[in-house]
């Protein structure tokens, strides 16, 4: 449990606290996901406790369709929506520098689109100064120039994310992290356990009348596609500095990792975008729908533009497609701390915190030996002495 803070809480957190207390009294959804066991462990909820619960929630919506207190009931419980709004507030509240998170969440489509086009135009202009002796993509932009541009664009957002997570961790009362906490959180994240519903049957995300695993499958495609693309880039970097510069053939490690990664990222991203158009917006944070869709489309575009660029190898289309792909990837990195990409970092942090609490509660107590009463030596009277 986080410290009981006395600072003024936002109306969103106050409403979330009201609904969570109703859930804690009812307990019908106890086995649905990690949120409800975490609710049931407490009786009093501070603002930090509500924020921790919000980032445990995966918005699968099974609890909403099972709840007897949803509108038009006077209790008006809509836990998926109020926790989604709490998460979005946190992305803005904890963001560094402050203010960019809320701006992207509300104007994400316009910001992402304009940034991609501006960066693509910049890369196209830079390509006019062609390097000498480059092959493949390096004929248009040197390796040194790519490193000079993308290294700060990768490291600085990670610093901003680190500051945001530190603020979140202090708010929810997180303590010293042990490997067993991280391991439990990563296992849950890799399996997307909390998108499997209470009995492993999936979500009610796009279908209120039945469960579906579609959303979990699309999330897994995006997750593993992104990791494969990152591994492809990393392997290419290692090969370059080991004396094997690009371009690489189809059977090289960068291509064997990157092509399946790009396909998974594209298919998963398009699937998630389609699901968002099918789902009930009132069970998420409606004001932030555009920002979430912008993130999904931007993530999809990184995979799609990479695949199209590879398919155009050796043609005149390489130059503009390379500029578009690099602009998309750079925009994705720069917006990472302020787009919904940040939700993955917060969710892992929330799962680590949840593992801390559960393992502390399950820690066996060492039985103490019984305390023996002090026994006075027998009293000898003078007549009993020999």
Protein backbone atom coordinates (compact mmCIF):
# COMPACT_ATOMS: atom_id res chain seq x y z
CA UNK A 1 0.00 0.00 0.00
CA UNK A 2 1.23 3.46 -0.81
CA UNK A 3 1.55 6.10 1.88
CA UNK A 4 -1.77 7.73 2.77
CA UNK A 5 -1.18 11.09 1.14
CA UNK A 6 -3.04 14.18 2.20
CA UNK A 7 -2.60 16.16 -1.02
CA UNK A 8 -5.68 17.25 -2.93
CA UNK A 9 -6.74 14.50 -5.31
CA UNK A 10 -8.14 15.05 -8.79
CA UNK A 11 -11.86 14.52 -9.47
CA UNK A 12 -10.89 11.50 -11.60
CA UNK A 13 -9.08 9.81 -8.73
CA UNK A 14 -11.90 10.68 -6.31
CA UNK A 15 -14.44 9.02 -8.63
CA UNK A 16 -12.15 6.03 -9.16
CA UNK A 17 -11.84 5.65 -5.39
CA UNK A 18 -15.65 5.64 -5.03
CA UNK A 19 -16.05 2.92 -7.64
CA UNK A 20 -13.17 0.82 -6.29
CA UNK A 21 -14.75 0.86 -2.82
CA UNK A 22 -17.99 -0.47 -4.33
CA UNK A 23 -16.01 -3.24 -6.07
CA UNK A 24 -14.27 -4.04 -2.82
CA UNK A 25 -17.62 -4.50 -1.10
CA UNK A 26 -19.09 -6.63 -3.91
CA UNK A 27 -16.13 -8.85 -4.92
CA UNK A 28 -18.05 -10.62 -7.69
CA UNK A 29 -15.15 -10.04 -10.16
CA UNK A 30 -12.44 -11.25 -7.80
CA UNK A 31 -10.88 -13.70 -10.28
CA UNK A 32 -11.02 -11.56 -13.42
CA UNK A 33 -7.52 -10.05 -13.51
CA UNK A 34 -4.76 -8.67 -11.30
CA UNK A 35 -6.83 -5.59 -10.38
CA UNK A 36 -9.44 -7.26 -8.23
CA UNK A 37 -7.17 -9.33 -5.96
CA UNK A 38 -5.19 -6.11 -5.45
CA UNK A 39 -8.42 -4.30 -4.49
CA UNK A 40 -9.42 -7.03 -2.08
CA UNK A 41 -6.14 -6.82 -0.18
CA UNK A 42 -7.04 -3.35 1.12
CA UNK A 43 -9.77 -1.52 2.96
CA UNK A 44 -8.57 2.08 2.64
CA UNK A 45 -7.30 3.53 -0.64
CA UNK A 46 -4.93 6.46 -1.02
CA UNK A 47 -4.46 8.26 -4.33
CA UNK A 48 -1.31 6.24 -5.01
CA UNK A 49 -3.23 2.99 -4.49
CA UNK A 50 -5.78 4.04 -7.11
CA UNK A 51 -3.00 4.94 -9.55
CA UNK A 52 -1.38 1.54 -9.01
CA UNK A 53 -4.70 -0.20 -9.72
CA UNK A 54 -5.19 1.91 -12.85
CA UNK A 55 -1.91 0.74 -14.37
CA UNK A 56 -2.65 -2.89 -13.50
CA UNK A 57 -5.85 -2.65 -15.56
CA UNK A 58 -5.56 -3.85 -19.18
CA UNK A 59 -9.03 -2.55 -20.17
CA UNK A 60 -10.32 -6.01 -21.13
CA UNK A 61 -13.82 -4.91 -19.98
CA UNK A 62 -14.96 -8.29 -18.71
CA UNK A 63 -15.73 -6.78 -15.32
CA UNK A 64 -18.04 -4.15 -16.86
CA UNK A 65 -20.23 -6.68 -18.66
CA UNK A 66 -20.43 -8.85 -15.54
CA UNK A 67 -21.21 -6.01 -13.13
CA UNK A 68 -24.74 -5.49 -11.75
CA UNK A 69 -23.98 -1.88 -10.77
CA UNK A 70 -23.22 -0.39 -14.19
CA UNK A 71 -25.45 2.40 -15.56
CA UNK A 72 -28.40 2.88 -15.34
CA UNK A 73 -27.90 1.62 -11.78
CA UNK A 74 -27.55 4.50 -9.33
CA UNK A 75 -24.02 3.36 -8.42
CA UNK A 76 -22.99 3.99 -12.08
CA UNK A 77 -19.88 1.78 -11.93
CA UNK A 78 -17.74 1.95 -15.07
CA UNK A 79 -14.38 0.77 -13.79
CA UNK A 80 -12.68 0.32 -17.21
CA UNK A 81 -13.36 3.94 -18.13
CA UNK A 82 -12.42 5.59 -14.83
CA UNK A 83 -9.17 3.60 -14.59
CA UNK A 84 -8.34 4.46 -18.22
CA UNK A 85 -8.85 8.14 -17.46
CA UNK A 86 -6.65 7.81 -14.36
CA UNK A 87 -3.88 6.24 -16.46
CA UNK A 88 -4.08 9.01 -19.03
CA UNK A 89 -3.87 11.65 -16.29
CA UNK A 90 -0.77 9.94 -14.93
CA UNK A 91 0.92 9.90 -18.34
CA UNK A 92 0.56 13.67 -18.33
CA UNK A 93 1.17 14.28 -14.60
CA UNK A 94 4.40 12.27 -14.44
CA UNK A 95 5.71 13.19 -17.90
CA UNK A 96 9.01 15.01 -18.18
CA UNK A 97 9.01 17.71 -19.38
CA UNK A 98 5.48 18.27 -18.13
CA UNK A 99 2.58 19.04 -20.43
CA UNK A 100 3.63 17.10 -23.53
CA UNK A 101 1.75 13.96 -22.51
CA UNK A 102 -1.66 15.61 -22.33
CA UNK A 103 -1.03 17.52 -25.54
CA UNK A 104 -0.29 14.34 -27.49
CA UNK A 105 -3.19 12.41 -25.96
CA UNK A 106 -5.63 15.05 -27.20
CA UNK A 107 -4.01 16.02 -30.52
CA UNK A 108 -2.07 12.87 -31.29
CA UNK A 109 -3.19 12.28 -34.87
CA UNK A 110 -2.27 15.79 -35.97
CA UNK A 111 1.03 15.86 -34.03
CA UNK A 112 2.20 12.44 -35.24
CA UNK A 113 1.22 13.09 -38.86
CA UNK A 114 2.87 16.49 -39.07
CA UNK A 115 6.02 15.31 -37.30
CA UNK A 116 6.43 12.32 -39.63
CA UNK A 117 6.03 14.51 -42.72
CA UNK A 118 8.40 17.20 -41.38
CA UNK A 119 11.10 14.68 -40.48
CA UNK A 120 10.69 12.84 -43.79
CA UNK A 121 11.17 16.13 -45.65
CA UNK A 122 14.27 16.83 -43.55
CA UNK A 123 15.75 13.42 -44.34
CA UNK A 124 14.96 13.90 -48.01
CA UNK A 125 16.82 17.23 -47.97
CA UNK A 126 19.80 15.72 -46.12
CA UNK A 127 20.02 12.96 -48.72
CA UNK A 128 20.87 15.64 -51.26
CA UNK A 129 24.34 15.67 -49.68
CA UNK A 130 25.23 12.13 -50.66
CA UNK A 131 28.06 10.30 -48.88
CA UNK A 132 30.96 9.00 -50.89
CA UNK A 133 31.24 5.27 -51.48
CA UNK A 134 28.12 4.20 -49.62
CA UNK A 135 26.20 1.08 -50.59
CA UNK A 136 22.52 0.27 -50.20
CA UNK A 137 20.78 2.74 -47.92
CA UNK A 138 24.16 4.25 -47.05
CA UNK A 139 24.31 5.58 -50.59
CA UNK A 140 21.70 8.11 -49.45
CA UNK A 141 22.63 8.63 -45.80
CA UNK A 142 25.89 7.61 -44.15
CA UNK A 143 26.07 5.33 -41.14
CA UNK A 144 27.72 8.07 -39.12
CA UNK A 145 24.89 10.48 -39.88
CA UNK A 146 22.29 7.89 -38.84
CA UNK A 147 24.09 7.29 -35.54
CA UNK A 148 24.40 11.03 -34.89
CA UNK A 149 20.67 11.49 -35.45
CA UNK A 150 19.16 8.38 -33.88
CA UNK A 151 21.39 7.82 -30.84
CA UNK A 152 20.26 11.02 -29.03
CA UNK A 153 16.69 10.44 -30.27
CA UNK A 154 16.77 7.03 -28.59
CA UNK A 155 18.65 7.85 -25.39
CA UNK A 156 16.93 11.13 -24.44
CA UNK A 157 13.39 9.67 -24.57
CA UNK A 158 14.58 6.81 -22.36
CA UNK A 159 15.85 9.38 -19.85
CA UNK A 160 12.46 11.12 -19.93
CA UNK A 161 10.71 7.76 -19.40
CA UNK A 162 13.03 6.99 -16.49
CA UNK A 163 12.11 10.28 -14.78
CA UNK A 164 8.39 9.57 -15.31
CA UNK A 165 8.66 6.06 -13.87
CA UNK A 166 10.59 7.33 -10.86
CA UNK A 167 7.78 9.78 -10.12
CA UNK A 168 5.20 7.02 -10.49
CA UNK A 169 7.20 4.60 -8.33
CA UNK A 170 7.42 7.09 -5.47
CA UNK A 171 3.70 7.85 -5.71
CA UNK A 172 2.63 4.20 -5.41
CA UNK A 173 5.03 3.55 -2.53
CA UNK A 174 7.37 1.20 -4.41
CA UNK A 175 10.32 -0.18 -2.50
CA UNK A 176 13.63 -1.80 -3.38
CA UNK A 177 13.25 -4.06 -6.43
CA UNK A 178 14.48 -7.65 -6.37
CA UNK A 179 15.01 -9.93 -9.35
CA UNK A 180 12.09 -12.18 -8.32
CA UNK A 181 9.74 -9.18 -8.59
CA UNK A 182 11.04 -8.30 -12.06
CA UNK A 183 10.90 -11.93 -13.19
CA UNK A 184 7.25 -12.29 -12.15
CA UNK A 185 6.31 -9.04 -13.92
CA UNK A 186 8.16 -9.96 -17.13
CA UNK A 187 6.53 -13.39 -17.21
CA UNK A 188 3.08 -11.83 -16.93
CA UNK A 189 3.98 -9.27 -19.60
CA UNK A 190 5.39 -11.84 -22.03
CA UNK A 191 2.26 -14.00 -21.78
CA UNK A 192 -0.08 -10.97 -21.56
CA UNK A 193 -1.70 -12.89 -18.75
CA UNK A 194 -4.13 -10.13 -17.82
CA UNK A 195 -5.59 -10.07 -21.35
CA UNK A 196 -6.71 -13.67 -20.91
CA UNK A 197 -9.69 -12.92 -18.66
CA UNK A 198 -10.49 -14.55 -15.35
CA UNK A 199 -10.56 -18.11 -16.71
CA UNK A 200 -8.22 -17.66 -19.67
CA UNK A 201 -11.08 -17.12 -22.09
CA UNK A 202 -10.00 -13.69 -23.39
CA UNK A 203 -11.50 -10.19 -23.32
CA UNK A 204 -14.87 -8.60 -23.97
CA UNK A 205 -13.09 -5.70 -25.68
CA UNK A 206 -14.92 -5.67 -29.01
CA UNK A 207 -17.70 -8.17 -28.21
CA UNK A 208 -19.89 -7.60 -25.20
CA UNK A 209 -21.83 -10.83 -25.73
CA UNK A 210 -18.84 -13.20 -25.70
CA UNK A 211 -15.16 -13.45 -24.92
CA UNK A 212 -12.45 -13.19 -27.57
CA UNK A 213 -8.68 -13.72 -27.68
CA UNK A 214 -8.26 -11.44 -30.71
CA UNK A 215 -6.98 -8.47 -28.74
CA UNK A 216 -4.41 -10.59 -26.90
CA UNK A 217 -3.19 -12.09 -30.18
CA UNK A 218 -2.82 -8.66 -31.78
CA UNK A 219 -0.96 -7.36 -28.72
CA UNK A 220 1.39 -10.33 -28.83
CA UNK A 221 2.04 -9.79 -32.54
CA UNK A 222 2.93 -6.14 -31.87
CA UNK A 223 5.07 -6.97 -28.83
CA UNK A 224 7.12 -9.70 -30.47
CA UNK A 225 7.26 -7.84 -33.78
CA UNK A 226 8.69 -4.80 -32.04
CA UNK A 227 11.25 -6.92 -30.17
CA UNK A 228 12.31 -8.67 -33.38
CA UNK A 229 12.74 -5.33 -35.18
CA UNK A 230 14.79 -4.00 -32.26
CA UNK A 231 16.92 -7.18 -32.30
CA UNK A 232 17.39 -6.78 -36.07
CA UNK A 233 18.67 -3.22 -35.67
CA UNK A 234 20.91 -4.26 -32.77
CA UNK A 235 22.40 -7.17 -34.70
CA UNK A 236 23.08 -4.91 -37.68
CA UNK A 237 24.87 -2.46 -35.42
CA UNK A 238 27.04 -5.22 -33.94
CA UNK A 239 27.88 -6.58 -37.39
CA UNK A 240 28.80 -3.10 -38.62
CA UNK A 241 31.30 -2.51 -35.81
CA UNK A 242 32.61 -6.07 -36.16
CA UNK A 243 33.68 -5.24 -39.71
CA UNK A 244 30.66 -6.48 -41.66
CA UNK A 245 28.84 -3.35 -42.85
CA UNK A 246 25.48 -3.28 -44.64
CA UNK A 247 23.87 -4.03 -47.00
CA UNK A 248 22.94 -7.49 -45.73
CA UNK A 249 21.51 -10.37 -47.74
CA UNK A 250 18.17 -12.08 -47.11
CA UNK A 251 19.74 -14.89 -45.06
CA UNK A 252 21.63 -12.51 -42.77
CA UNK A 253 20.63 -12.12 -39.14
CA UNK A 254 19.30 -8.55 -39.51
CA UNK A 255 16.96 -9.64 -42.31
CA UNK A 256 15.89 -12.92 -40.68
CA UNK A 257 14.89 -10.95 -37.60
CA UNK A 258 13.64 -7.78 -39.26
CA UNK A 259 11.32 -9.15 -41.95
CA UNK A 260 9.21 -11.36 -39.61
CA UNK A 261 9.32 -8.55 -37.06
CA UNK A 262 8.01 -6.03 -39.56
CA UNK A 263 5.21 -8.38 -40.64
CA UNK A 264 4.12 -9.07 -37.06
CA UNK A 265 4.29 -5.38 -36.17
CA UNK A 266 2.22 -4.39 -39.19
CA UNK A 267 -0.42 -7.11 -38.85
CA UNK A 268 -0.73 -6.63 -35.09
CA UNK A 269 -0.93 -2.85 -35.38
CA UNK A 270 -3.60 -2.96 -38.08
CA UNK A 271 -5.53 -5.47 -36.00
CA UNK A 272 -5.42 -3.25 -32.90
CA UNK A 273 -6.49 -0.22 -34.96
CA UNK A 274 -9.47 -2.17 -36.31
CA UNK A 275 -10.42 -3.38 -32.82
CA UNK A 276 -10.40 0.20 -31.54
CA UNK A 277 -12.99 1.12 -34.16
CA UNK A 278 -15.20 -1.79 -33.03
CA UNK A 279 -14.95 -1.26 -29.27
CA UNK A 280 -17.28 0.87 -27.17
CA UNK A 281 -15.43 4.16 -26.65
CA UNK A 282 -17.37 4.87 -23.47
CA UNK A 283 -15.48 2.02 -21.75
CA UNK A 284 -12.14 3.72 -22.35
CA UNK A 285 -11.11 7.38 -22.04
CA UNK A 286 -13.06 8.98 -24.92
CA UNK A 287 -11.12 12.26 -24.80
CA UNK A 288 -7.88 10.36 -25.45
CA UNK A 289 -9.11 8.10 -28.27
CA UNK A 290 -7.33 10.11 -30.96
CA UNK A 291 -4.00 9.97 -29.14
CA UNK A 292 -4.27 6.21 -28.67
CA UNK A 293 -5.16 5.66 -32.32
CA UNK A 294 -2.28 7.91 -33.39
CA UNK A 295 0.15 5.76 -31.40
CA UNK A 296 -1.20 2.51 -32.89
CA UNK A 297 -1.00 3.88 -36.43
CA UNK A 298 2.50 5.30 -35.87
CA UNK A 299 3.70 1.97 -34.51
CA UNK A 300 2.14 0.19 -37.49
CA UNK A 301 3.76 2.62 -39.91
CA UNK A 302 7.25 1.85 -38.59
CA UNK A 303 6.83 -1.78 -39.60
CA UNK A 304 4.95 -1.14 -42.83
CA UNK A 305 7.32 1.49 -44.21
CA UNK A 306 10.29 -0.76 -43.42
CA UNK A 307 8.75 -3.66 -45.37
CA UNK A 308 7.86 -1.44 -48.34
CA UNK A 309 11.37 0.02 -48.33
CA UNK A 310 12.91 -3.45 -48.40
CA UNK A 311 10.60 -4.50 -51.25
CA UNK A 312 11.70 -1.41 -53.25
CA UNK A 313 15.41 -2.20 -52.95
CA UNK A 314 17.24 -1.36 -56.18
CA UNK A 315 14.52 0.93 -57.54
CA UNK A 316 14.22 4.71 -57.81
CA UNK A 317 11.64 4.66 -55.02
CA UNK A 318 14.28 3.92 -52.39
CA UNK A 319 15.21 7.56 -51.78
CA UNK A 320 11.73 8.89 -50.86
CA UNK A 321 10.76 5.67 -49.07
CA UNK A 322 13.93 5.77 -46.98
CA UNK A 323 13.14 9.34 -45.95
CA UNK A 324 9.58 8.35 -45.02
CA UNK A 325 10.71 5.30 -43.04
CA UNK A 326 13.41 7.18 -41.13
CA UNK A 327 10.99 10.04 -40.43
CA UNK A 328 8.43 7.58 -39.07
CA UNK A 329 10.93 5.79 -36.85
CA UNK A 330 12.41 9.04 -35.54
CA UNK A 331 8.93 10.44 -34.80
CA UNK A 332 8.09 7.23 -32.94
CA UNK A 333 11.19 7.53 -30.75
CA UNK A 334 10.70 11.24 -30.03
CA UNK A 335 7.03 10.77 -29.08
CA UNK A 336 7.63 7.59 -27.07
CA UNK A 337 7.54 9.26 -23.60
CA UNK A 338 4.27 11.08 -24.42
CA UNK A 339 2.34 8.61 -26.58
CA UNK A 340 0.59 5.48 -25.37
CA UNK A 341 3.90 3.65 -25.84
CA UNK A 342 4.57 4.75 -22.27
CA UNK A 343 1.77 2.47 -21.07
CA UNK A 344 4.00 -0.57 -21.54
CA UNK A 345 6.63 0.83 -19.17
CA UNK A 346 4.03 1.82 -16.56
CA UNK A 347 2.32 -1.56 -16.81
CA UNK A 348 5.56 -3.45 -16.16
CA UNK A 349 6.26 -1.12 -13.21
CA UNK A 350 2.75 -1.77 -11.84
CA UNK A 351 3.23 -5.53 -12.20
CA UNK A 352 6.58 -5.29 -10.37
CA UNK A 353 4.91 -3.35 -7.56
CA UNK A 354 2.07 -5.89 -7.45
CA UNK A 355 4.61 -8.73 -7.22
CA UNK A 356 6.31 -6.93 -4.33
CA UNK A 357 3.06 -6.68 -2.41
CA UNK A 358 1.97 -10.26 -3.09
CA UNK A 359 5.34 -11.77 -2.20
CA UNK A 360 5.45 -9.74 0.99
CA UNK A 361 1.98 -10.98 1.94
CA UNK A 362 2.96 -14.59 1.17
CA UNK A 363 6.23 -14.47 3.08
CA UNK A 364 6.16 -17.25 5.65
CA UNK A 365 6.45 -16.27 9.26
CA UNK A 366 9.11 -18.01 11.32
CA UNK A 367 7.53 -19.60 14.38
CA UNK A 368 9.03 -18.36 17.59
CA UNK A 369 9.78 -20.74 20.44
CA UNK A 370 7.35 -20.45 23.36
CA UNK A 371 8.40 -18.12 26.08
CA UNK A 372 9.03 -20.08 29.23
CA UNK A 373 7.94 -18.59 32.48
CA UNK A 374 10.75 -18.01 34.92
CA UNK A 375 10.74 -20.73 37.60
CA UNK A 376 12.11 -19.88 40.99
CA UNK A 377 14.26 -22.49 42.68
CA UNK A 378 12.43 -24.42 45.40
CA UNK A 379 12.34 -22.70 48.68
CA UNK A 380 14.12 -24.67 51.40
CA UNK A 381 13.20 -24.15 54.92
CA UNK A 382 15.51 -24.71 57.76
CA UNK A 383 13.73 -27.89 58.95
CA UNK A 384 14.14 -29.68 55.59
CA UNK A 385 17.92 -29.38 55.44
CA UNK A 386 19.85 -32.50 56.31
